[in-house]
Amino acid sequence: MTSDLLLQLEQKVAHAVEVIELLRLHIEDLEHENAILKSEHEKWRRDLTALIKRFDQIDAPKSAPMQSRQPGKLQVTAQEEEFMTV
């Protein structure tokens, strides 16, 4: 009787250890995926910030006096060049 109970307990412990190991592996996968998503999110944030700055730069000359702008010349900043190459 006692050996049957010990055998059942041993089986339950083995099963619990197996489940814990599977969950640990799943957590590692989720942590890796989370790191990738955070990286993608940061890239999107940087790209959107650059785009907003670009729009601001495009809008800014419209409010500047006409004599400060040279007709026919398009000035491209380093940030805009970087953004256009992405």
C-alpha atoms as a PDB file:
ATOM      1  CA  MET A   1       0.000   0.000   0.000  1.00  0.00           C
ATOM      2  CA  THR A   2       2.745   2.436   0.996  1.00  0.00           C
ATOM      3  CA  SER A   3       4.788   1.630  -2.088  1.00  0.00           C
ATOM      4  CA  ASP A   4       1.749   2.339  -4.302  1.00  0.00           C
ATOM      5  CA  LEU A   5       1.326   5.739  -2.702  1.00  0.00           C
ATOM      6  CA  LEU A   6       5.022   6.493  -3.073  1.00  0.00           C
ATOM      7  CA  LEU A   7       4.891   5.428  -6.733  1.00  0.00           C
ATOM      8  CA  GLN A   8       1.900   7.710  -7.369  1.00  0.00           C
ATOM      9  CA  LEU A   9       3.670  10.555  -5.601  1.00  0.00           C
ATOM     10  CA  GLU A  10       6.829   9.942  -7.631  1.00  0.00           C
ATOM     11  CA  GLN A  11       4.801   9.992 -10.879  1.00  0.00           C
ATOM     12  CA  LYS A  12       3.083  13.227  -9.888  1.00  0.00           C
ATOM     13  CA  VAL A  13       6.401  14.846  -8.971  1.00  0.00           C
ATOM     14  CA  ALA A  14       7.945  13.710 -12.285  1.00  0.00           C
ATOM     15  CA  HIS A  15       4.954  15.113 -14.169  1.00  0.00           C
ATOM     16  CA  ALA A  16       5.172  18.396 -12.251  1.00  0.00           C
ATOM     17  CA  VAL A  17       8.896  18.683 -13.041  1.00  0.00           C
ATOM     18  CA  GLU A  18       8.159  18.037 -16.726  1.00  0.00           C
ATOM     19  CA  VAL A  19       5.426  20.681 -16.783  1.00  0.00           C
ATOM     20  CA  ILE A  20       7.682  23.182 -14.988  1.00  0.00           C
ATOM     21  CA  GLU A  21      10.472  22.579 -17.536  1.00  0.00           C
ATOM     22  CA  LEU A  22       8.061  23.054 -20.455  1.00  0.00           C
ATOM     23  CA  LEU A  23       6.744  26.259 -18.908  1.00  0.00           C
ATOM     24  CA  ARG A  24      10.301  27.504 -18.348  1.00  0.00           C
ATOM     25  CA  LEU A  25      11.106  26.895 -22.035  1.00  0.00           C
ATOM     26  CA  HIS A  26       7.895  28.660 -23.037  1.00  0.00           C
ATOM     27  CA  ILE A  27       8.820  31.641 -20.849  1.00  0.00           C
ATOM     28  CA  GLU A  28      12.249  31.814 -22.512  1.00  0.00           C
ATOM     29  CA  ASP A  29      10.583  31.830 -25.941  1.00  0.00           C
ATOM     30  CA  LEU A  30       8.183  34.561 -24.870  1.00  0.00           C
ATOM     31  CA  GLU A  31      11.025  36.651 -23.422  1.00  0.00           C
ATOM     32  CA  HIS A  32      12.914  36.350 -26.716  1.00  0.00           C
ATOM     33  CA  GLU A  33       9.816  37.282 -28.709  1.00  0.00           C
ATOM     34  CA  ASN A  34       9.193  40.212 -26.361  1.00  0.00           C
ATOM     35  CA  ALA A  35      12.745  41.477 -26.928  1.00  0.00           C
ATOM     36  CA  ILE A  36      12.222  41.302 -30.701  1.00  0.00           C
ATOM     37  CA  LEU A  37       8.905  43.157 -30.435  1.00  0.00           C
ATOM     38  CA  LYS A  38      10.462  45.839 -28.234  1.00  0.00           C
ATOM     39  CA  SER A  39      13.226  46.296 -30.789  1.00  0.00           C
ATOM     40  CA  GLU A  40      10.693  46.602 -33.621  1.00  0.00           C
ATOM     41  CA  HIS A  41       8.645  49.035 -31.543  1.00  0.00           C
ATOM     42  CA  GLU A  42      11.713  51.200 -30.935  1.00  0.00           C
ATOM     43  CA  LYS A  43      12.526  51.200 -34.667  1.00  0.00           C
ATOM     44  CA  TRP A  44       8.963  52.233 -35.515  1.00  0.00           C
ATOM     45  CA  ARG A  45       9.123  54.979 -32.900  1.00  0.00           C
ATOM     46  CA  ARG A  46      12.396  56.309 -34.316  1.00  0.00           C
ATOM     47  CA  ASP A  47      11.061  56.183 -37.888  1.00  0.00           C
ATOM     48  CA  LEU A  48       7.837  57.949 -36.927  1.00  0.00           C
ATOM     49  CA  THR A  49       9.745  60.593 -34.980  1.00  0.00           C
ATOM     50  CA  ALA A  50      11.976  61.185 -38.016  1.00  0.00           C
ATOM     51  CA  LEU A  51       8.908  61.434 -40.242  1.00  0.00           C
ATOM     52  CA  ILE A  52       7.231  63.937 -37.923  1.00  0.00           C
ATOM     53  CA  LYS A  53      10.420  66.020 -37.843  1.00  0.00           C
ATOM     54  CA  ARG A  54      10.537  65.876 -41.624  1.00  0.00           C
ATOM     55  CA  PHE A  55       6.950  67.119 -41.848  1.00  0.00           C
ATOM     56  CA  ASP A  56       7.815  69.887 -39.401  1.00  0.00           C
ATOM     57  CA  GLN A  57      10.789  70.883 -41.559  1.00  0.00           C
ATOM     58  CA  ILE A  58       8.600  70.916 -44.658  1.00  0.00           C
ATOM     59  CA  ASP A  59       5.989  73.060 -42.890  1.00  0.00           C
ATOM     60  CA  ALA A  60       8.560  75.424 -41.348  1.00  0.00           C
ATOM     61  CA  PRO A  61       9.743  77.028 -44.637  1.00  0.00           C
ATOM     62  CA  LYS A  62       6.142  77.866 -45.528  1.00  0.00           C
ATOM     63  CA  SER A  63       5.975  80.208 -42.578  1.00  0.00           C
ATOM     64  CA  ALA A  64       9.507  81.625 -43.194  1.00  0.00           C
ATOM     65  CA  PRO A  65       9.954  84.826 -45.234  1.00  0.00           C
ATOM     66  CA  MET A  66      10.174  84.294 -48.987  1.00  0.00           C
ATOM     67  CA  GLN A  67      13.568  86.009 -49.417  1.00  0.00           C
ATOM     68  CA  SER A  68      15.269  83.439 -47.173  1.00  0.00           C
ATOM     69  CA  ARG A  69      14.269  80.607 -49.497  1.00  0.00           C
ATOM     70  CA  GLN A  70      15.999  80.020 -52.783  1.00  0.00           C
ATOM     71  CA  PRO A  71      13.599  79.045 -55.555  1.00  0.00           C
ATOM     72  CA  GLY A  72      14.296  75.748 -57.216  1.00  0.00           C
ATOM     73  CA  LYS A  73      16.677  74.516 -54.498  1.00  0.00           C
ATOM     74  CA  LEU A  74      15.674  71.633 -52.287  1.00  0.00           C
ATOM     75  CA  GLN A  75      17.685  71.296 -49.120  1.00  0.00           C
ATOM     76  CA  VAL A  76      17.861  67.809 -47.655  1.00  0.00           C
ATOM     77  CA  THR A  77      19.100  67.280 -44.128  1.00  0.00           C
ATOM     78  CA  ALA A  78      21.200  64.321 -43.030  1.00  0.00           C
ATOM     79  CA  GLN A  79      18.225  62.933 -41.108  1.00  0.00           C
ATOM     80  CA  GLU A  80      16.062  63.089 -44.230  1.00  0.00           C
ATOM     81  CA  GLU A  81      18.722  61.316 -46.257  1.00  0.00           C
ATOM     82  CA  GLU A  82      18.965  58.631 -43.582  1.00  0.00           C
ATOM     83  CA  PHE A  83      15.197  58.252 -43.510  1.00  0.00           C
ATOM     84  CA  MET A  84      14.955  58.027 -47.303  1.00  0.00           C
ATOM     85  CA  THR A  85      17.491  55.206 -47.391  1.00  0.00           C
ATOM     86  CA  VAL A  86      15.511  53.068 -44.940  1.00  0.00           C
END
